[in-house]
Protein backbone atom coordinates (compact mmCIF):
# COMPACT_ATOMS: atom_id res chain seq x y z
CA UNK A 1 -30.41 21.83 -27.89
CA UNK A 2 -31.46 19.15 -25.85
CA UNK A 3 -32.57 19.54 -21.91
CA UNK A 4 -29.80 19.09 -19.50
CA UNK A 5 -30.69 15.43 -17.41
CA UNK A 6 -27.66 14.83 -15.37
CA UNK A 7 -24.98 16.34 -14.39
CA UNK A 8 -21.74 16.78 -16.86
CA UNK A 9 -18.85 14.69 -16.58
CA UNK A 10 -16.80 15.92 -13.99
CA UNK A 11 -13.89 16.20 -16.43
CA UNK A 12 -15.56 18.86 -18.52
CA UNK A 13 -16.50 20.90 -15.73
CA UNK A 14 -12.72 20.72 -14.22
CA UNK A 15 -11.82 21.34 -18.06
CA UNK A 16 -14.15 24.58 -18.16
CA UNK A 17 -13.20 25.89 -14.81
CA UNK A 18 -9.92 25.44 -15.92
CA UNK A 19 -10.30 28.28 -18.53
CA UNK A 20 -12.55 30.29 -16.87
CA UNK A 21 -9.29 30.77 -13.96
CA UNK A 22 -7.28 31.17 -16.77
CA UNK A 23 -9.41 33.91 -18.25
CA UNK A 24 -10.93 35.83 -15.06
CA UNK A 25 -8.51 34.99 -12.27
CA UNK A 26 -9.62 35.72 -9.20
CA UNK A 27 -13.07 36.68 -9.90
CA UNK A 28 -13.69 33.28 -10.83
CA UNK A 29 -14.42 32.02 -7.56
CA UNK A 30 -14.68 27.97 -6.08
CA UNK A 31 -14.79 27.86 -2.22
CA UNK A 32 -17.56 25.78 -0.89
CA UNK A 33 -18.79 29.44 1.12
CA UNK A 34 -19.38 31.76 -1.95
CA UNK A 35 -20.81 28.26 -4.27
CA UNK A 36 -23.42 27.57 -1.24
CA UNK A 37 -24.75 31.69 -1.10
CA UNK A 38 -25.34 31.13 -5.27
CA UNK A 39 -27.11 27.60 -4.68
CA UNK A 40 -29.34 29.20 -2.25
CA UNK A 41 -32.43 31.36 -2.74
CA UNK A 42 -35.74 32.22 -1.82
CA UNK A 43 -37.79 29.44 -2.93
CA UNK A 44 -38.48 26.66 -1.43
CA UNK A 45 -36.01 24.40 -3.25
CA UNK A 46 -32.72 22.57 -1.42
CA UNK A 47 -29.45 24.28 -1.65
CA UNK A 48 -28.03 23.28 -5.08
CA UNK A 49 -24.62 25.24 -5.12
CA UNK A 50 -22.94 25.40 -8.28
CA UNK A 51 -19.51 24.15 -9.23
CA UNK A 52 -17.89 27.73 -9.58
CA UNK A 53 -18.74 31.72 -9.78
CA UNK A 54 -17.72 33.75 -12.41
CA UNK A 55 -18.12 37.82 -11.31
CA UNK A 56 -18.88 39.06 -15.10
CA UNK A 57 -18.05 42.83 -15.02
CA UNK A 58 -19.20 43.22 -18.84
CA UNK A 59 -20.79 42.16 -21.15
CA UNK A 60 -18.16 40.29 -22.96
CA UNK A 61 -17.53 38.79 -19.81
CA UNK A 62 -20.36 37.00 -19.86
CA UNK A 63 -19.89 36.17 -23.34
CA UNK A 64 -16.64 35.11 -22.95
CA UNK A 65 -17.81 32.56 -19.69
CA UNK A 66 -21.02 31.51 -21.83
CA UNK A 67 -18.71 30.40 -25.22
CA UNK A 68 -15.79 28.47 -22.29
CA UNK A 69 -19.00 26.71 -20.71
CA UNK A 70 -21.19 25.62 -23.71
CA UNK A 71 -17.67 24.09 -25.37
CA UNK A 72 -18.04 21.66 -22.70
CA UNK A 73 -21.38 21.05 -22.38
CA UNK A 74 -21.43 22.84 -18.75
CA UNK A 75 -24.48 24.47 -17.53
CA UNK A 76 -24.68 28.61 -17.04
CA UNK A 77 -26.76 29.96 -14.68
CA UNK A 78 -27.47 33.74 -14.55
CA UNK A 79 -27.58 35.45 -11.26
CA UNK A 80 -27.89 39.01 -10.00
CA UNK A 81 -28.77 39.78 -6.49
CA UNK A 82 -30.32 35.91 -5.89
CA UNK A 83 -33.81 36.73 -4.99
CA UNK A 84 -35.39 34.17 -6.86
CA UNK A 85 -38.64 32.75 -5.51
CA UNK A 86 -38.71 30.09 -8.18
CA UNK A 87 -35.14 28.15 -7.77
CA UNK A 88 -34.01 29.60 -11.54
CA UNK A 89 -30.61 30.54 -9.28
CA UNK A 90 -29.66 26.59 -8.33
CA UNK A 91 -27.66 24.20 -10.10
CA UNK A 92 -29.16 20.97 -10.06
CA UNK A 93 -26.86 19.24 -12.55
CA UNK A 94 -23.56 21.47 -11.70
CA UNK A 95 -22.07 23.93 -13.47
CA UNK A 96 -20.80 27.72 -13.46
CA UNK A 97 -22.93 30.74 -11.81
CA UNK A 98 -22.55 34.30 -13.82
CA UNK A 99 -22.83 36.54 -10.81
CA UNK A 100 -24.26 39.58 -12.86
CA UNK A 101 -23.85 41.74 -9.56
CA UNK A 102 -21.49 44.14 -10.36
CA UNK A 103 -22.93 45.01 -13.64
CA UNK A 104 -24.79 47.68 -12.08
CA UNK A 105 -24.96 50.90 -14.11
CA UNK A 106 -27.88 53.00 -16.04
CA UNK A 107 -26.37 53.99 -19.01
CA UNK A 108 -29.14 56.11 -20.61
CA UNK A 109 -32.63 57.26 -19.77
CA UNK A 110 -34.84 57.73 -23.15
CA UNK A 111 -37.78 59.53 -21.00
CA UNK A 112 -39.85 60.15 -24.48
CA UNK A 113 -40.00 56.99 -25.46
CA UNK A 114 -40.09 55.71 -22.15
CA UNK A 115 -37.18 53.21 -22.46
CA UNK A 116 -34.02 52.64 -20.42
CA UNK A 117 -31.15 50.95 -20.93
CA UNK A 118 -29.05 49.38 -18.25
CA UNK A 119 -27.17 46.70 -16.83
CA UNK A 120 -28.23 43.45 -15.37
CA UNK A 121 -26.98 43.95 -12.17
CA UNK A 122 -29.17 47.29 -11.57
CA UNK A 123 -32.36 46.58 -8.66
CA UNK A 124 -35.37 48.02 -8.83
CA UNK A 125 -34.70 49.89 -6.47
CA UNK A 126 -31.67 51.96 -7.71
CA UNK A 127 -33.19 51.98 -11.24
CA UNK A 128 -36.52 53.74 -9.17
CA UNK A 129 -34.24 56.42 -7.72
CA UNK A 130 -32.27 57.34 -10.03
CA UNK A 131 -36.18 57.72 -12.12
CA UNK A 132 -37.17 59.67 -9.71
CA UNK A 133 -36.69 63.10 -11.04
CA UNK A 134 -38.12 62.26 -14.30
CA UNK A 135 -41.63 61.42 -13.71
CA UNK A 136 -41.12 58.10 -14.75
CA UNK A 137 -41.09 54.63 -12.80
CA UNK A 138 -40.48 50.98 -13.17
CA UNK A 139 -43.82 49.41 -11.52
CA UNK A 140 -42.65 45.80 -11.23
CA UNK A 141 -41.75 44.32 -8.08
CA UNK A 142 -40.65 41.11 -7.91
CA UNK A 143 -40.01 41.13 -3.98
CA UNK A 144 -36.90 42.07 -2.05
CA UNK A 145 -34.62 44.35 -4.55
CA UNK A 146 -34.70 42.21 -7.16
CA UNK A 147 -32.13 43.03 -9.89
CA UNK A 148 -33.21 43.39 -13.16
CA UNK A 149 -31.27 40.72 -15.34
CA UNK A 150 -31.76 38.34 -12.30
């Protein structure tokens, strides 16, 4: 796949947003305030808001949103708690932000294997609180209270 270097045609963005609205209802948001919130991060880069935000609640939601956007050549930006220090949550060419902050469950802990199965919206702090009594911890500290999945 070629790297995107310009904004997709507005007709494609509008078509993708229409399909997303039909699929996600009120979990697809296009308000200026929410879009600006999702285009802001902790880096030096200017605010570059997406065209829309999907609030995903399941893996199926994420897959459906990506499929719809890909079908129209519209970029997707994954977003958790938006603590980005690199600007990777910005939408310089427009697109759709897939907010996974509602996907915040810890599903399984395998202490003997030193691994955890969780959803991407789980924060570093929540994971360490959950693991506290197991003798395990998640030592990576990317700053603020970053989510595991973005």
